[in-house]
C-alpha atoms as a PDB file:
ATOM      1  CA  MET A   1      32.232  38.441 -38.749  1.00  0.00           C
ATOM      2  CA  ASN A   2      33.180  41.502 -38.532  1.00  0.00           C
ATOM      3  CA  GLN A   3      36.791  42.984 -36.919  1.00  0.00           C
ATOM      4  CA  ASN A   4      34.769  43.430 -33.335  1.00  0.00           C
ATOM      5  CA  SER A   5      34.225  39.342 -33.275  1.00  0.00           C
ATOM      6  CA  LYS A   6      38.076  38.690 -32.530  1.00  0.00           C
ATOM      7  CA  ILE A   7      38.763  37.605 -28.958  1.00  0.00           C
ATOM      8  CA  ARG A   8      42.065  38.919 -27.907  1.00  0.00           C
ATOM      9  CA  ASN A   9      43.387  41.511 -25.057  1.00  0.00           C
ATOM     10  CA  PRO A  10      45.150  44.994 -25.897  1.00  0.00           C
ATOM     11  CA  LYS A  11      48.032  44.264 -28.138  1.00  0.00           C
ATOM     12  CA  THR A  12      51.077  45.030 -26.587  1.00  0.00           C
ATOM     13  CA  GLU A  13      53.742  46.664 -29.375  1.00  0.00           C
ATOM     14  CA  VAL A  14      56.664  45.439 -30.503  1.00  0.00           C
ATOM     15  CA  PRO A  15      59.300  47.298 -32.450  1.00  0.00           C
ATOM     16  CA  GLN A  16      59.292  46.770 -36.387  1.00  0.00           C
ATOM     17  CA  THR A  17      63.043  45.819 -36.819  1.00  0.00           C
ATOM     18  CA  PRO A  18      65.024  42.931 -38.276  1.00  0.00           C
ATOM     19  CA  GLN A  19      66.265  41.776 -35.077  1.00  0.00           C
ATOM     20  CA  MET A  20      63.983  39.346 -32.912  1.00  0.00           C
ATOM     21  CA  THR A  21      61.322  40.546 -30.815  1.00  0.00           C
ATOM     22  CA  ASP A  22      60.047  39.682 -27.094  1.00  0.00           C
ATOM     23  CA  ARG A  23      57.038  38.226 -29.608  1.00  0.00           C
ATOM     24  CA  ASP A  24      59.499  36.585 -31.843  1.00  0.00           C
ATOM     25  CA  PHE A  25      61.242  34.779 -29.266  1.00  0.00           C
ATOM     26  CA  ILE A  26      58.015  33.357 -27.435  1.00  0.00           C
ATOM     27  CA  ASN A  27      56.549  32.664 -30.436  1.00  0.00           C
ATOM     28  CA  ASP A  28      59.690  30.616 -31.166  1.00  0.00           C
ATOM     29  CA  VAL A  29      59.894  28.589 -27.972  1.00  0.00           C
ATOM     30  CA  LEU A  30      55.966  27.941 -28.104  1.00  0.00           C
ATOM     31  CA  ALA A  31      56.533  26.584 -31.570  1.00  0.00           C
ATOM     32  CA  THR A  32      59.136  23.970 -30.392  1.00  0.00           C
ATOM     33  CA  GLU A  33      57.160  23.175 -27.211  1.00  0.00           C
ATOM     34  CA  LYS A  34      54.382  22.229 -29.312  1.00  0.00           C
ATOM     35  CA  TYR A  35      56.451  20.124 -31.234  1.00  0.00           C
ATOM     36  CA  MET A  36      58.093  18.901 -28.568  1.00  0.00           C
ATOM     37  CA  THR A  37      54.664  17.986 -26.977  1.00  0.00           C
ATOM     38  CA  SER A  38      54.033  16.173 -29.961  1.00  0.00           C
ATOM     39  CA  SER A  39      57.180  13.878 -29.787  1.00  0.00           C
ATOM     40  CA  TYR A  40      56.519  12.969 -26.421  1.00  0.00           C
ATOM     41  CA  SER A  41      53.103  11.876 -27.433  1.00  0.00           C
ATOM     42  CA  ILE A  42      54.616   9.706 -29.917  1.00  0.00           C
ATOM     43  CA  ALA A  43      57.360   8.444 -27.666  1.00  0.00           C
ATOM     44  CA  LEU A  44      54.772   7.615 -24.750  1.00  0.00           C
ATOM     45  CA  ASN A  45      52.995   5.462 -27.045  1.00  0.00           C
ATOM     46  CA  GLU A  46      55.748   3.833 -28.116  1.00  0.00           C
ATOM     47  CA  ALA A  47      57.763   3.196 -24.651  1.00  0.00           C
ATOM     48  CA  SER A  48      58.167  -0.260 -23.682  1.00  0.00           C
ATOM     49  CA  HIS A  49      59.549  -0.386 -20.237  1.00  0.00           C
ATOM     50  CA  GLN A  50      57.543   1.409 -17.410  1.00  0.00           C
ATOM     51  CA  ASN A  51      60.158   3.818 -15.881  1.00  0.00           C
ATOM     52  CA  LEU A  52      60.900   5.183 -18.932  1.00  0.00           C
ATOM     53  CA  TYR A  53      56.829   5.414 -19.566  1.00  0.00           C
ATOM     54  CA  ARG A  54      56.852   7.409 -16.540  1.00  0.00           C
ATOM     55  CA  ASP A  55      59.578   9.726 -16.831  1.00  0.00           C
ATOM     56  CA  LEU A  56      58.465  10.425 -20.208  1.00  0.00           C
ATOM     57  CA  ALA A  57      54.873  11.132 -18.908  1.00  0.00           C
ATOM     58  CA  THR A  58      56.572  13.735 -16.144  1.00  0.00           C
ATOM     59  CA  ILE A  59      58.613  15.423 -18.996  1.00  0.00           C
ATOM     60  CA  CYS A  60      55.819  15.359 -21.367  1.00  0.00           C
ATOM     61  CA  ASN A  61      53.309  17.102 -18.752  1.00  0.00           C
ATOM     62  CA  GLU A  62      56.241  19.462 -17.576  1.00  0.00           C
ATOM     63  CA  THR A  63      56.375  20.339 -21.673  1.00  0.00           C
ATOM     64  CA  GLN A  64      52.729  20.389 -22.074  1.00  0.00           C
ATOM     65  CA  ASP A  65      52.572  23.128 -18.873  1.00  0.00           C
ATOM     66  CA  CYS A  66      55.297  25.690 -20.362  1.00  0.00           C
ATOM     67  CA  GLN A  67      53.613  25.490 -23.752  1.00  0.00           C
ATOM     68  CA  ARG A  68      50.487  26.496 -21.391  1.00  0.00           C
ATOM     69  CA  ASN A  69      52.148  29.153 -19.607  1.00  0.00           C
ATOM     70  CA  LEU A  70      53.530  30.669 -23.255  1.00  0.00           C
ATOM     71  CA  PHE A  71      50.276  30.806 -24.852  1.00  0.00           C
ATOM     72  CA  ASN A  72      48.582  32.247 -22.009  1.00  0.00           C
ATOM     73  CA  THR A  73      51.552  34.843 -22.344  1.00  0.00           C
ATOM     74  CA  MET A  74      51.056  35.424 -25.841  1.00  0.00           C
ATOM     75  CA  PHE A  75      47.537  35.667 -25.506  1.00  0.00           C
ATOM     76  CA  LYS A  76      47.413  38.456 -22.520  1.00  0.00           C
ATOM     77  CA  LYS A  77      49.927  40.630 -24.406  1.00  0.00           C
ATOM     78  CA  GLY A  78      47.524  40.292 -27.635  1.00  0.00           C
ATOM     79  CA  TRP A  79      49.864  38.380 -29.763  1.00  0.00           C
ATOM     80  CA  TYR A  80      47.266  35.544 -30.045  1.00  0.00           C
ATOM     81  CA  SER A  81      43.551  36.280 -30.809  1.00  0.00           C
ATOM     82  CA  PHE A  82      40.533  34.271 -31.851  1.00  0.00           C
ATOM     83  CA  GLU A  83      37.685  34.438 -33.392  1.00  0.00           C
ATOM     84  CA  ALA A  84      34.389  34.506 -32.115  1.00  0.00           C
ATOM     85  CA  THR A  85      31.886  32.029 -33.587  1.00  0.00           C
ATOM     86  CA  ASP A  86      27.887  32.635 -33.460  1.00  0.00           C
ATOM     87  CA  GLN A  87      26.013  30.069 -31.822  1.00  0.00           C
ATOM     88  CA  GLN A  88      24.365  28.768 -34.611  1.00  0.00           C
ATOM     89  CA  THR A  89      27.657  27.847 -36.409  1.00  0.00           C
ATOM     90  CA  LEU A  90      29.078  25.989 -33.357  1.00  0.00           C
ATOM     91  CA  GLN A  91      25.943  23.723 -33.369  1.00  0.00           C
ATOM     92  CA  GLN A  92      26.243  23.193 -36.966  1.00  0.00           C
ATOM     93  CA  SER A  93      29.564  21.946 -36.386  1.00  0.00           C
ATOM     94  CA  TYR A  94      28.569  20.164 -33.271  1.00  0.00           C
ATOM     95  CA  GLN A  95      25.999  18.287 -35.115  1.00  0.00           C
ATOM     96  CA  ARG A  96      28.231  17.596 -38.032  1.00  0.00           C
ATOM     97  CA  PHE A  97      30.857  16.095 -35.799  1.00  0.00           C
ATOM     98  CA  THR A  98      28.364  14.344 -33.823  1.00  0.00           C
ATOM     99  CA  GLY A  99      27.252  12.480 -36.786  1.00  0.00           C
ATOM    100  CA  TYR A 100      30.795  11.235 -37.335  1.00  0.00           C
ATOM    101  CA  SER A 101      30.867   9.091 -34.105  1.00  0.00           C
ATOM    102  CA  ASN A 102      29.165   5.804 -35.462  1.00  0.00           C
ATOM    103  CA  GLN A 103      32.387   5.708 -37.584  1.00  0.00           C
ATOM    104  CA  PHE A 104      34.819   5.348 -34.281  1.00  0.00           C
ATOM    105  CA  PRO A 105      35.841   1.835 -34.186  1.00  0.00           C
ATOM    106  CA  TYR A 106      34.647   1.111 -30.612  1.00  0.00           C
ATOM    107  CA  SER A 107      31.555   2.490 -29.455  1.00  0.00           C
ATOM    108  CA  ASN A 108      29.528   3.419 -26.520  1.00  0.00           C
ATOM    109  CA  THR A 109      26.956   0.528 -26.977  1.00  0.00           C
ATOM    110  CA  THR A 110      27.297  -2.747 -25.218  1.00  0.00           C
ATOM    111  CA  PRO A 111      27.765  -6.070 -27.436  1.00  0.00           C
ATOM    112  CA  SER A 112      24.897  -7.895 -28.227  1.00  0.00           C
END
C-alpha cells in the first residue's frame, strides 16, 4: 500500500527536544492504562469474592474508558494512525480465521 493509505488526522506537531512533550506524556499514560486494563482482566478472572469482583469490574471499566479517551486524543491529534486495508485482504483474513473456529473447544453445534 502507498503512503496515502494511512488512516489518520492532521498531525499536531511537537518540538523535537530531550524534554518530554505532550505526546510523550499521553503515550506513556496510554501504555500504563493498557497494562492496567490487562492486569485487571487477570484479577477479575481470579477474584474469589463477589464484592471484590464487582469493585474490580468497576475499576477495570473506568480504566478501559480512560484508555479509550487517551487513544481518541492521540488519534485526533494525528499521533496514532492505521494502515488502510483493501477489501480482498480483509476477505482473505476473514476466511483464514473463520476456518480456525472448528478448533475451538466449544462450538455452536448442538450435542448429538
